[in-house]
Amino acid sequence: MIVWSDIEKDALAEFLNLGMGAAAKSLSSMLGQEILLSVPEISFVSQDEFKEWCGDEIGKEIVGVQQAFTGHAAGNISLLFSRGNSYNLVRELVSDDMPLDDLPD
């Protein structure tokens, strides 16, 4: 596993923060309401540690969006939600009164 210095982690967090800010601005425009974000936390973990974290922090069922990026820095970024929180996002994007039963499994 690659070991990053604290300065490198801070720079990466700021880079991600800029990208998240742009995404939040777009989402805010779509929803017509303010989107609040926290500063991202950077962690480098093994796949096994990640699976354990997902189970502890998010629950057994997760929904995610993954985006690949290339250029000077290449990789993948994932945005993970608990199933319930993913439904809340869909409701905000589609309609506040959409019943959960209308959402696909």
PDB file of N, CA and C in Angstrom:
ATOM      1  N   MET A   1       0.846  -1.174   0.000  1.00  0.00           N
ATOM      2  CA  MET A   1       0.000   0.000   0.000  1.00  0.00           C
ATOM      3  C   MET A   1       0.896   1.244   0.000  1.00  0.00           C
ATOM      4  N   ILE A   2       0.488   2.248  -0.760  1.00  0.00           N
ATOM      5  CA  ILE A   2       1.245   3.494  -0.844  1.00  0.00           C
ATOM      6  C   ILE A   2       1.104   4.265   0.469  1.00  0.00           C
ATOM      7  N   VAL A   3       2.210   4.796   0.957  1.00  0.00           N
ATOM      8  CA  VAL A   3       2.186   5.613   2.166  1.00  0.00           C
ATOM      9  C   VAL A   3       2.296   7.078   1.746  1.00  0.00           C
ATOM     10  N   TRP A   4       1.324   7.887   2.154  1.00  0.00           N
ATOM     11  CA  TRP A   4       1.284   9.312   1.815  1.00  0.00           C
ATOM     12  C   TRP A   4       1.626  10.130   3.049  1.00  0.00           C
ATOM     13  N   SER A   5       2.317  11.228   2.834  1.00  0.00           N
ATOM     14  CA  SER A   5       2.618  12.139   3.942  1.00  0.00           C
ATOM     15  C   SER A   5       1.348  12.918   4.297  1.00  0.00           C
ATOM     16  N   ASP A   6       1.354  13.565   5.447  1.00  0.00           N
ATOM     17  CA  ASP A   6       0.205  14.371   5.860  1.00  0.00           C
ATOM     18  C   ASP A   6      -0.062  15.503   4.869  1.00  0.00           C
ATOM     19  N   ILE A   7       0.990  16.112   4.339  1.00  0.00           N
ATOM     20  CA  ILE A   7       0.832  17.199   3.366  1.00  0.00           C
ATOM     21  C   ILE A   7       0.191  16.668   2.081  1.00  0.00           C
ATOM     22  N   GLU A   8       0.621  15.493   1.638  1.00  0.00           N
ATOM     23  CA  GLU A   8       0.031  14.899   0.436  1.00  0.00           C
ATOM     24  C   GLU A   8      -1.449  14.565   0.660  1.00  0.00           C
ATOM     25  N   LYS A   9      -1.780  14.032   1.824  1.00  0.00           N
ATOM     26  CA  LYS A   9      -3.179  13.734   2.145  1.00  0.00           C
ATOM     27  C   LYS A   9      -4.016  15.010   2.192  1.00  0.00           C
ATOM     28  N   ASP A  10      -3.461  16.068   2.779  1.00  0.00           N
ATOM     29  CA  ASP A  10      -4.177  17.346   2.835  1.00  0.00           C
ATOM     30  C   ASP A  10      -4.405  17.912   1.431  1.00  0.00           C
ATOM     31  N   ALA A  11      -3.404  17.798   0.566  1.00  0.00           N
ATOM     32  CA  ALA A  11      -3.543  18.291  -0.808  1.00  0.00           C
ATOM     33  C   ALA A  11      -4.606  17.487  -1.560  1.00  0.00           C
ATOM     34  N   LEU A  12      -4.619  16.182  -1.371  1.00  0.00           N
ATOM     35  CA  LEU A  12      -5.622  15.344  -2.015  1.00  0.00           C
ATOM     36  C   LEU A  12      -7.018  15.669  -1.483  1.00  0.00           C
ATOM     37  N   ALA A  13      -7.133  15.868  -0.184  1.00  0.00           N
ATOM     38  CA  ALA A  13      -8.427  16.231   0.402  1.00  0.00           C
ATOM     39  C   ALA A  13      -8.929  17.552  -0.173  1.00  0.00           C
ATOM     40  N   GLU A  14      -8.044  18.505  -0.353  1.00  0.00           N
ATOM     41  CA  GLU A  14      -8.451  19.791  -0.926  1.00  0.00           C
ATOM     42  C   GLU A  14      -8.865  19.637  -2.384  1.00  0.00           C
ATOM     43  N   PHE A  15      -8.140  18.823  -3.127  1.00  0.00           N
ATOM     44  CA  PHE A  15      -8.491  18.530  -4.514  1.00  0.00           C
ATOM     45  C   PHE A  15      -9.893  17.918  -4.584  1.00  0.00           C
ATOM     46  N   LEU A  16     -10.167  16.943  -3.737  1.00  0.00           N
ATOM     47  CA  LEU A  16     -11.487  16.314  -3.693  1.00  0.00           C
ATOM     48  C   LEU A  16     -12.550  17.300  -3.221  1.00  0.00           C
ATOM     49  N   ASN A  17     -12.189  18.156  -2.289  1.00  0.00           N
ATOM     50  CA  ASN A  17     -13.119  19.162  -1.780  1.00  0.00           C
ATOM     51  C   ASN A  17     -13.567  20.098  -2.906  1.00  0.00           C
ATOM     52  N   LEU A  18     -12.654  20.472  -3.774  1.00  0.00           N
ATOM     53  CA  LEU A  18     -13.007  21.330  -4.916  1.00  0.00           C
ATOM     54  C   LEU A  18     -13.989  20.613  -5.846  1.00  0.00           C
ATOM     55  N   GLY A  19     -13.710  19.353  -6.128  1.00  0.00           N
ATOM     56  CA  GLY A  19     -14.605  18.573  -6.982  1.00  0.00           C
ATOM     57  C   GLY A  19     -15.974  18.374  -6.348  1.00  0.00           C
ATOM     58  N   MET A  20     -15.996  18.098  -5.056  1.00  0.00           N
ATOM     59  CA  MET A  20     -17.267  17.923  -4.356  1.00  0.00           C
ATOM     60  C   MET A  20     -18.039  19.238  -4.329  1.00  0.00           C
ATOM     61  N   GLY A  21     -17.326  20.350  -4.199  1.00  0.00           N
ATOM     62  CA  GLY A  21     -17.981  21.652  -4.197  1.00  0.00           C
ATOM     63  C   GLY A  21     -18.668  21.926  -5.522  1.00  0.00           C
ATOM     64  N   ALA A  22     -17.996  21.571  -6.622  1.00  0.00           N
ATOM     65  CA  ALA A  22     -18.608  21.759  -7.944  1.00  0.00           C
ATOM     66  C   ALA A  22     -19.833  20.868  -8.100  1.00  0.00           C
ATOM     67  N   ALA A  23     -19.734  19.617  -7.629  1.00  0.00           N
ATOM     68  CA  ALA A  23     -20.875  18.701  -7.709  1.00  0.00           C
ATOM     69  C   ALA A  23     -22.024  19.196  -6.835  1.00  0.00           C
ATOM     70  N   ALA A  24     -21.713  19.698  -5.650  1.00  0.00           N
ATOM     71  CA  ALA A  24     -22.747  20.216  -4.747  1.00  0.00           C
ATOM     72  C   ALA A  24     -23.439  21.430  -5.344  1.00  0.00           C
ATOM     73  N   LYS A  25     -22.678  22.269  -6.043  1.00  0.00           N
ATOM     74  CA  LYS A  25     -23.270  23.438  -6.693  1.00  0.00           C
ATOM     75  C   LYS A  25     -24.268  23.002  -7.760  1.00  0.00           C
ATOM     76  N   SER A  26     -23.903  21.987  -8.546  1.00  0.00           N
ATOM     77  CA  SER A  26     -24.814  21.469  -9.568  1.00  0.00           C
ATOM     78  C   SER A  26     -26.054  20.855  -8.937  1.00  0.00           C
ATOM     79  N   LEU A  27     -25.866  20.065  -7.884  1.00  0.00           N
ATOM     80  CA  LEU A  27     -26.997  19.446  -7.198  1.00  0.00           C
ATOM     81  C   LEU A  27     -27.885  20.513  -6.562  1.00  0.00           C
ATOM     82  N   SER A  28     -27.288  21.532  -6.008  1.00  0.00           N
ATOM     83  CA  SER A  28     -28.042  22.639  -5.417  1.00  0.00           C
ATOM     84  C   SER A  28     -28.913  23.317  -6.465  1.00  0.00           C
ATOM     85  N   SER A  29     -28.355  23.496  -7.652  1.00  0.00           N
ATOM     86  CA  SER A  29     -29.105  24.103  -8.740  1.00  0.00           C
ATOM     87  C   SER A  29     -30.278  23.217  -9.157  1.00  0.00           C
ATOM     88  N   MET A  30     -30.052  21.908  -9.208  1.00  0.00           N
ATOM     89  CA  MET A  30     -31.114  20.972  -9.592  1.00  0.00           C
ATOM     90  C   MET A  30     -32.249  20.953  -8.572  1.00  0.00           C
ATOM     91  N   LEU A  31     -31.879  21.005  -7.283  1.00  0.00           N
ATOM     92  CA  LEU A  31     -32.874  20.887  -6.216  1.00  0.00           C
ATOM     93  C   LEU A  31     -33.468  22.225  -5.799  1.00  0.00           C
ATOM     94  N   GLY A  32     -32.782  23.312  -6.145  1.00  0.00           N
ATOM     95  CA  GLY A  32     -33.246  24.623  -5.726  1.00  0.00           C
ATOM     96  C   GLY A  32     -33.091  24.860  -4.241  1.00  0.00           C
ATOM     97  N   GLN A  33     -32.089  24.222  -3.641  1.00  0.00           N
ATOM     98  CA  GLN A  33     -31.823  24.432  -2.217  1.00  0.00           C
ATOM     99  C   GLN A  33     -30.335  24.268  -1.932  1.00  0.00           C
ATOM    100  N   GLU A  34     -29.915  24.811  -0.815  1.00  0.00           N
ATOM    101  CA  GLU A  34     -28.509  24.788  -0.438  1.00  0.00           C
ATOM    102  C   GLU A  34     -28.068  23.372  -0.073  1.00  0.00           C
ATOM    103  N   ILE A  35     -26.888  23.007  -0.498  1.00  0.00           N
ATOM    104  CA  ILE A  35     -26.288  21.718  -0.160  1.00  0.00           C
ATOM    105  C   ILE A  35     -25.104  21.999   0.763  1.00  0.00           C
ATOM    106  N   LEU A  36     -25.099  21.384   1.929  1.00  0.00           N
ATOM    107  CA  LEU A  36     -24.007  21.563   2.888  1.00  0.00           C
ATOM    108  C   LEU A  36     -23.075  20.359   2.831  1.00  0.00           C
ATOM    109  N   LEU A  37     -21.793  20.624   2.831  1.00  0.00           N
ATOM    110  CA  LEU A  37     -20.785  19.573   2.780  1.00  0.00           C
ATOM    111  C   LEU A  37     -19.832  19.705   3.950  1.00  0.00           C
ATOM    112  N   SER A  38     -19.233  18.596   4.294  1.00  0.00           N
ATOM    113  CA  SER A  38     -18.134  18.634   5.261  1.00  0.00           C
ATOM    114  C   SER A  38     -16.841  18.368   4.499  1.00  0.00           C
ATOM    115  N   VAL A  39     -15.732  18.724   5.080  1.00  0.00           N
ATOM    116  CA  VAL A  39     -14.434  18.497   4.449  1.00  0.00           C
ATOM    117  C   VAL A  39     -14.213  16.988   4.367  1.00  0.00           C
ATOM    118  N   PRO A  40     -13.818  16.492   3.189  1.00  0.00           N
ATOM    119  CA  PRO A  40     -13.635  15.043   3.056  1.00  0.00           C
ATOM    120  C   PRO A  40     -12.494  14.538   3.924  1.00  0.00           C
ATOM    121  N   GLU A  41     -12.640  13.314   4.362  1.00  0.00           N
ATOM    122  CA  GLU A  41     -11.593  12.640   5.133  1.00  0.00           C
ATOM    123  C   GLU A  41     -10.955  11.603   4.224  1.00  0.00           C
ATOM    124  N   ILE A  42      -9.654  11.602   4.154  1.00  0.00           N
ATOM    125  CA  ILE A  42      -8.924  10.683   3.294  1.00  0.00           C
ATOM    126  C   ILE A  42      -8.387   9.534   4.129  1.00  0.00           C
ATOM    127  N   SER A  43      -8.703   8.326   3.700  1.00  0.00           N
ATOM    128  CA  SER A  43      -8.175   7.125   4.344  1.00  0.00           C
ATOM    129  C   SER A  43      -7.737   6.154   3.265  1.00  0.00           C
ATOM    130  N   PHE A  44      -6.615   5.536   3.455  1.00  0.00           N
ATOM    131  CA  PHE A  44      -6.138   4.495   2.552  1.00  0.00           C
ATOM    132  C   PHE A  44      -6.238   3.191   3.310  1.00  0.00           C
ATOM    133  N   VAL A  45      -7.067   2.300   2.807  1.00  0.00           N
ATOM    134  CA  VAL A  45      -7.308   1.035   3.503  1.00  0.00           C
ATOM    135  C   VAL A  45      -7.289  -0.106   2.489  1.00  0.00           C
ATOM    136  N   SER A  46      -7.107  -1.293   3.006  1.00  0.00           N
ATOM    137  CA  SER A  46      -7.173  -2.484   2.156  1.00  0.00           C
ATOM    138  C   SER A  46      -8.633  -2.773   1.818  1.00  0.00           C
ATOM    139  N   GLN A  47      -8.853  -3.640   0.843  1.00  0.00           N
ATOM    140  CA  GLN A  47     -10.224  -4.002   0.481  1.00  0.00           C
ATOM    141  C   GLN A  47     -10.951  -4.638   1.662  1.00  0.00           C
ATOM    142  N   ASP A  48     -10.260  -5.474   2.424  1.00  0.00           N
ATOM    143  CA  ASP A  48     -10.893  -6.108   3.586  1.00  0.00           C
ATOM    144  C   ASP A  48     -11.282  -5.075   4.638  1.00  0.00           C
ATOM    145  N   GLU A  49     -10.399  -4.106   4.878  1.00  0.00           N
ATOM    146  CA  GLU A  49     -10.720  -3.039   5.839  1.00  0.00           C
ATOM    147  C   GLU A  49     -11.899  -2.207   5.340  1.00  0.00           C
ATOM    148  N   PHE A  50     -11.951  -1.962   4.035  1.00  0.00           N
ATOM    149  CA  PHE A  50     -13.051  -1.190   3.460  1.00  0.00           C
ATOM    150  C   PHE A  50     -14.374  -1.933   3.637  1.00  0.00           C
ATOM    151  N   LYS A  51     -14.392  -3.220   3.356  1.00  0.00           N
ATOM    152  CA  LYS A  51     -15.605  -4.026   3.527  1.00  0.00           C
ATOM    153  C   LYS A  51     -16.069  -3.989   4.980  1.00  0.00           C
ATOM    154  N   GLU A  52     -15.136  -4.085   5.900  1.00  0.00           N
ATOM    155  CA  GLU A  52     -15.480  -4.029   7.326  1.00  0.00           C
ATOM    156  C   GLU A  52     -16.053  -2.659   7.686  1.00  0.00           C
ATOM    157  N   TRP A  53     -15.432  -1.594   7.173  1.00  0.00           N
ATOM    158  CA  TRP A  53     -15.904  -0.237   7.439  1.00  0.00           C
ATOM    159  C   TRP A  53     -17.316  -0.047   6.896  1.00  0.00           C
ATOM    160  N   CYS A  54     -17.550  -0.518   5.678  1.00  0.00           N
ATOM    161  CA  CYS A  54     -18.889  -0.376   5.079  1.00  0.00           C
ATOM    162  C   CYS A  54     -19.942  -1.035   5.945  1.00  0.00           C
ATOM    163  N   GLY A  55     -19.655  -2.215   6.440  1.00  0.00           N
ATOM    164  CA  GLY A  55     -20.613  -2.915   7.287  1.00  0.00           C
ATOM    165  C   GLY A  55     -20.870  -2.183   8.587  1.00  0.00           C
ATOM    166  N   ASP A  56     -19.826  -1.642   9.180  1.00  0.00           N
ATOM    167  CA  ASP A  56     -19.961  -0.947  10.464  1.00  0.00           C
ATOM    168  C   ASP A  56     -20.587   0.428  10.309  1.00  0.00           C
ATOM    169  N   GLU A  57     -20.162   1.174   9.304  1.00  0.00           N
ATOM    170  CA  GLU A  57     -20.578   2.568   9.162  1.00  0.00           C
ATOM    171  C   GLU A  57     -21.857   2.758   8.352  1.00  0.00           C
ATOM    172  N   ILE A  58     -22.034   1.963   7.337  1.00  0.00           N
ATOM    173  CA  ILE A  58     -23.136   2.201   6.419  1.00  0.00           C
ATOM    174  C   ILE A  58     -24.260   1.184   6.601  1.00  0.00           C
ATOM    175  N   GLY A  59     -23.939  -0.015   6.952  1.00  0.00           N
ATOM    176  CA  GLY A  59     -24.942  -1.058   7.065  1.00  0.00           C
ATOM    177  C   GLY A  59     -24.704  -2.106   5.994  1.00  0.00           C
ATOM    178  N   LYS A  60     -25.558  -3.089   5.999  1.00  0.00           N
ATOM    179  CA  LYS A  60     -25.361  -4.204   5.073  1.00  0.00           C
ATOM    180  C   LYS A  60     -25.688  -3.841   3.637  1.00  0.00           C
ATOM    181  N   GLU A  61     -26.650  -2.966   3.431  1.00  0.00           N
ATOM    182  CA  GLU A  61     -27.035  -2.594   2.075  1.00  0.00           C
ATOM    183  C   GLU A  61     -26.541  -1.187   1.776  1.00  0.00           C
ATOM    184  N   ILE A  62     -25.706  -1.086   0.747  1.00  0.00           N
ATOM    185  CA  ILE A  62     -25.210   0.225   0.350  1.00  0.00           C
ATOM    186  C   ILE A  62     -25.513   0.463  -1.117  1.00  0.00           C
ATOM    187  N   VAL A  63     -25.617   1.713  -1.465  1.00  0.00           N
ATOM    188  CA  VAL A  63     -25.823   2.138  -2.840  1.00  0.00           C
ATOM    189  C   VAL A  63     -24.687   3.103  -3.148  1.00  0.00           C
ATOM    190  N   GLY A  64     -24.107   2.974  -4.316  1.00  0.00           N
ATOM    191  CA  GLY A  64     -22.972   3.825  -4.624  1.00  0.00           C
ATOM    192  C   GLY A  64     -22.968   4.333  -6.042  1.00  0.00           C
ATOM    193  N   VAL A  65     -22.247   5.407  -6.205  1.00  0.00           N
ATOM    194  CA  VAL A  65     -21.975   5.977  -7.518  1.00  0.00           C
ATOM    195  C   VAL A  65     -20.464   6.026  -7.632  1.00  0.00           C
ATOM    196  N   GLN A  66     -19.942   5.514  -8.731  1.00  0.00           N
ATOM    197  CA  GLN A  66     -18.501   5.512  -8.918  1.00  0.00           C
ATOM    198  C   GLN A  66     -18.150   6.303 -10.163  1.00  0.00           C
ATOM    199  N   GLN A  67     -17.099   7.105 -10.065  1.00  0.00           N
ATOM    200  CA  GLN A  67     -16.640   7.913 -11.184  1.00  0.00           C
ATOM    201  C   GLN A  67     -15.146   7.693 -11.369  1.00  0.00           C
ATOM    202  N   ALA A  68     -14.753   7.306 -12.563  1.00  0.00           N
ATOM    203  CA  ALA A  68     -13.336   7.179 -12.889  1.00  0.00           C
ATOM    204  C   ALA A  68     -12.829   8.528 -13.370  1.00  0.00           C
ATOM    205  N   PHE A  69     -11.573   8.828 -13.101  1.00  0.00           N
ATOM    206  CA  PHE A  69     -10.963  10.055 -13.608  1.00  0.00           C
ATOM    207  C   PHE A  69      -9.556   9.748 -14.080  1.00  0.00           C
ATOM    208  N   THR A  70      -9.126  10.521 -15.084  1.00  0.00           N
ATOM    209  CA  THR A  70      -7.803  10.324 -15.666  1.00  0.00           C
ATOM    210  C   THR A  70      -7.115  11.671 -15.783  1.00  0.00           C
ATOM    211  N   GLY A  71      -5.886  11.654 -16.175  1.00  0.00           N
ATOM    212  CA  GLY A  71      -5.103  12.879 -16.304  1.00  0.00           C
ATOM    213  C   GLY A  71      -3.861  12.767 -15.442  1.00  0.00           C
ATOM    214  N   HIS A  72      -3.432  13.895 -14.867  1.00  0.00           N
ATOM    215  CA  HIS A  72      -2.246  13.881 -13.998  1.00  0.00           C
ATOM    216  C   HIS A  72      -2.468  12.981 -12.792  1.00  0.00           C
ATOM    217  N   ALA A  73      -3.694  12.964 -12.313  1.00  0.00           N
ATOM    218  CA  ALA A  73      -4.067  12.048 -11.230  1.00  0.00           C
ATOM    219  C   ALA A  73      -5.168  11.152 -11.784  1.00  0.00           C
ATOM    220  N   ALA A  74      -4.995   9.864 -11.685  1.00  0.00           N
ATOM    221  CA  ALA A  74      -5.991   8.929 -12.208  1.00  0.00           C
ATOM    222  C   ALA A  74      -6.465   8.030 -11.080  1.00  0.00           C
ATOM    223  N   GLY A  75      -7.707   7.636 -11.173  1.00  0.00           N
ATOM    224  CA  GLY A  75      -8.244   6.743 -10.163  1.00  0.00           C
ATOM    225  C   GLY A  75      -9.746   6.660 -10.243  1.00  0.00           C
ATOM    226  N   ASN A  76     -10.348   6.225  -9.167  1.00  0.00           N
ATOM    227  CA  ASN A  76     -11.797   6.115  -9.053  1.00  0.00           C
ATOM    228  C   ASN A  76     -12.219   6.737  -7.738  1.00  0.00           C
ATOM    229  N   ILE A  77     -13.387   7.331  -7.756  1.00  0.00           N
ATOM    230  CA  ILE A  77     -13.942   7.864  -6.520  1.00  0.00           C
ATOM    231  C   ILE A  77     -15.353   7.311  -6.378  1.00  0.00           C
ATOM    232  N   SER A  78     -15.709   6.940  -5.178  1.00  0.00           N
ATOM    233  CA  SER A  78     -17.032   6.377  -4.920  1.00  0.00           C
ATOM    234  C   SER A  78     -17.757   7.210  -3.889  1.00  0.00           C
ATOM    235  N   LEU A  79     -19.031   7.412  -4.132  1.00  0.00           N
ATOM    236  CA  LEU A  79     -19.907   8.088  -3.186  1.00  0.00           C
ATOM    237  C   LEU A  79     -20.877   7.028  -2.710  1.00  0.00           C
ATOM    238  N   LEU A  80     -20.857   6.726  -1.411  1.00  0.00           N
ATOM    239  CA  LEU A  80     -21.648   5.632  -0.867  1.00  0.00           C
ATOM    240  C   LEU A  80     -22.745   6.150   0.044  1.00  0.00           C
ATOM    241  N   PHE A  81     -23.904   5.517  -0.052  1.00  0.00           N
ATOM    242  CA  PHE A  81     -25.054   5.865   0.770  1.00  0.00           C
ATOM    243  C   PHE A  81     -25.629   4.598   1.380  1.00  0.00           C
ATOM    244  N   SER A  82     -26.244   4.740   2.544  1.00  0.00           N
ATOM    245  CA  SER A  82     -27.076   3.648   3.031  1.00  0.00           C
ATOM    246  C   SER A  82     -28.278   3.588   2.101  1.00  0.00           C
ATOM    247  N   ARG A  83     -28.957   2.471   2.073  1.00  0.00           N
ATOM    248  CA  ARG A  83     -30.109   2.336   1.185  1.00  0.00           C
ATOM    249  C   ARG A  83     -31.152   3.427   1.476  1.00  0.00           C
ATOM    250  N   GLY A  84     -31.434   3.656   2.753  1.00  0.00           N
ATOM    251  CA  GLY A  84     -32.419   4.673   3.125  1.00  0.00           C
ATOM    252  C   GLY A  84     -32.024   6.067   2.677  1.00  0.00           C
ATOM    253  N   ASN A  85     -30.758   6.429   2.848  1.00  0.00           N
ATOM    254  CA  ASN A  85     -30.302   7.751   2.420  1.00  0.00           C
ATOM    255  C   ASN A  85     -30.306   7.883   0.902  1.00  0.00           C
ATOM    256  N   SER A  86     -30.075   6.779   0.194  1.00  0.00           N
ATOM    257  CA  SER A  86     -30.136   6.852  -1.267  1.00  0.00           C
ATOM    258  C   SER A  86     -31.564   7.153  -1.704  1.00  0.00           C
ATOM    259  N   TYR A  87     -32.547   6.594  -1.013  1.00  0.00           N
ATOM    260  CA  TYR A  87     -33.948   6.881  -1.329  1.00  0.00           C
ATOM    261  C   TYR A  87     -34.256   8.356  -1.081  1.00  0.00           C
ATOM    262  N   ASN A  88     -33.712   8.908  -0.024  1.00  0.00           N
ATOM    263  CA  ASN A  88     -33.932  10.329   0.250  1.00  0.00           C
ATOM    264  C   ASN A  88     -33.392  11.188  -0.885  1.00  0.00           C
ATOM    265  N   LEU A  89     -32.227  10.835  -1.406  1.00  0.00           N
ATOM    266  CA  LEU A  89     -31.648  11.591  -2.518  1.00  0.00           C
ATOM    267  C   LEU A  89     -32.537  11.469  -3.758  1.00  0.00           C
ATOM    268  N   VAL A  90     -32.995  10.258  -4.055  1.00  0.00           N
ATOM    269  CA  VAL A  90     -33.871  10.066  -5.220  1.00  0.00           C
ATOM    270  C   VAL A  90     -35.148  10.871  -5.052  1.00  0.00           C
ATOM    271  N   ARG A  91     -35.720  10.855  -3.867  1.00  0.00           N
ATOM    272  CA  ARG A  91     -36.937  11.631  -3.617  1.00  0.00           C
ATOM    273  C   ARG A  91     -36.709  13.118  -3.880  1.00  0.00           C
ATOM    274  N   GLU A  92     -35.574  13.620  -3.419  1.00  0.00           N
ATOM    275  CA  GLU A  92     -35.279  15.039  -3.633  1.00  0.00           C
ATOM    276  C   GLU A  92     -35.127  15.358  -5.114  1.00  0.00           C
ATOM    277  N   LEU A  93     -34.543  14.432  -5.851  1.00  0.00           N
ATOM    278  CA  LEU A  93     -34.314  14.672  -7.272  1.00  0.00           C
ATOM    279  C   LEU A  93     -35.574  14.484  -8.117  1.00  0.00           C
ATOM    280  N   VAL A  94     -36.463  13.584  -7.685  1.00  0.00           N
ATOM    281  CA  VAL A  94     -37.629  13.249  -8.493  1.00  0.00           C
ATOM    282  C   VAL A  94     -38.890  13.926  -7.977  1.00  0.00           C
ATOM    283  N   SER A  95     -39.237  13.637  -6.726  1.00  0.00           N
ATOM    284  CA  SER A  95     -40.466  14.183  -6.153  1.00  0.00           C
ATOM    285  C   SER A  95     -40.512  13.860  -4.677  1.00  0.00           C
ATOM    286  N   ASP A  96     -40.835  14.863  -3.865  1.00  0.00           N
ATOM    287  CA  ASP A  96     -40.898  14.662  -2.420  1.00  0.00           C
ATOM    288  C   ASP A  96     -41.954  13.646  -2.010  1.00  0.00           C
ATOM    289  N   ASP A  97     -43.008  13.503  -2.811  1.00  0.00           N
ATOM    290  CA  ASP A  97     -44.097  12.630  -2.405  1.00  0.00           C
ATOM    291  C   ASP A  97     -44.048  11.247  -3.053  1.00  0.00           C
ATOM    292  N   MET A  98     -42.933  10.882  -3.663  1.00  0.00           N
ATOM    293  CA  MET A  98     -42.809   9.567  -4.280  1.00  0.00           C
ATOM    294  C   MET A  98     -42.762   8.487  -3.211  1.00  0.00           C
ATOM    295  N   PRO A  99     -43.681   7.509  -3.248  1.00  0.00           N
ATOM    296  CA  PRO A  99     -43.639   6.430  -2.257  1.00  0.00           C
ATOM    297  C   PRO A  99     -42.433   5.534  -2.467  1.00  0.00           C
ATOM    298  N   LEU A 100     -41.881   5.032  -1.376  1.00  0.00           N
ATOM    299  CA  LEU A 100     -40.733   4.143  -1.475  1.00  0.00           C
ATOM    300  C   LEU A 100     -41.050   2.898  -2.295  1.00  0.00           C
ATOM    301  N   ASP A 101     -42.300   2.448  -2.282  1.00  0.00           N
ATOM    302  CA  ASP A 101     -42.677   1.264  -3.033  1.00  0.00           C
ATOM    303  C   ASP A 101     -42.492   1.450  -4.534  1.00  0.00           C
ATOM    304  N   ASP A 102     -42.466   2.693  -5.001  1.00  0.00           N
ATOM    305  CA  ASP A 102     -42.289   2.962  -6.436  1.00  0.00           C
ATOM    306  C   ASP A 102     -40.843   2.913  -6.865  1.00  0.00           C
ATOM    307  N   LEU A 103     -39.918   2.836  -5.905  1.00  0.00           N
ATOM    308  CA  LEU A 103     -38.502   2.784  -6.236  1.00  0.00           C
ATOM    309  C   LEU A 103     -38.077   1.334  -6.468  1.00  0.00           C
ATOM    310  N   PRO A 104     -37.266   1.084  -7.494  1.00  0.00           N
ATOM    311  CA  PRO A 104     -36.841  -0.301  -7.771  1.00  0.00           C
ATOM    312  C   PRO A 104     -35.879  -0.800  -6.708  1.00  0.00           C
ATOM    313  N   ASP A 105     -35.827  -2.126  -6.553  1.00  0.00           N
ATOM    314  CA  ASP A 105     -34.865  -2.741  -5.634  1.00  0.00           C
ATOM    315  C   ASP A 105     -33.522  -2.859  -6.305  1.00  0.00           C
TER     316      ASP A 105
END
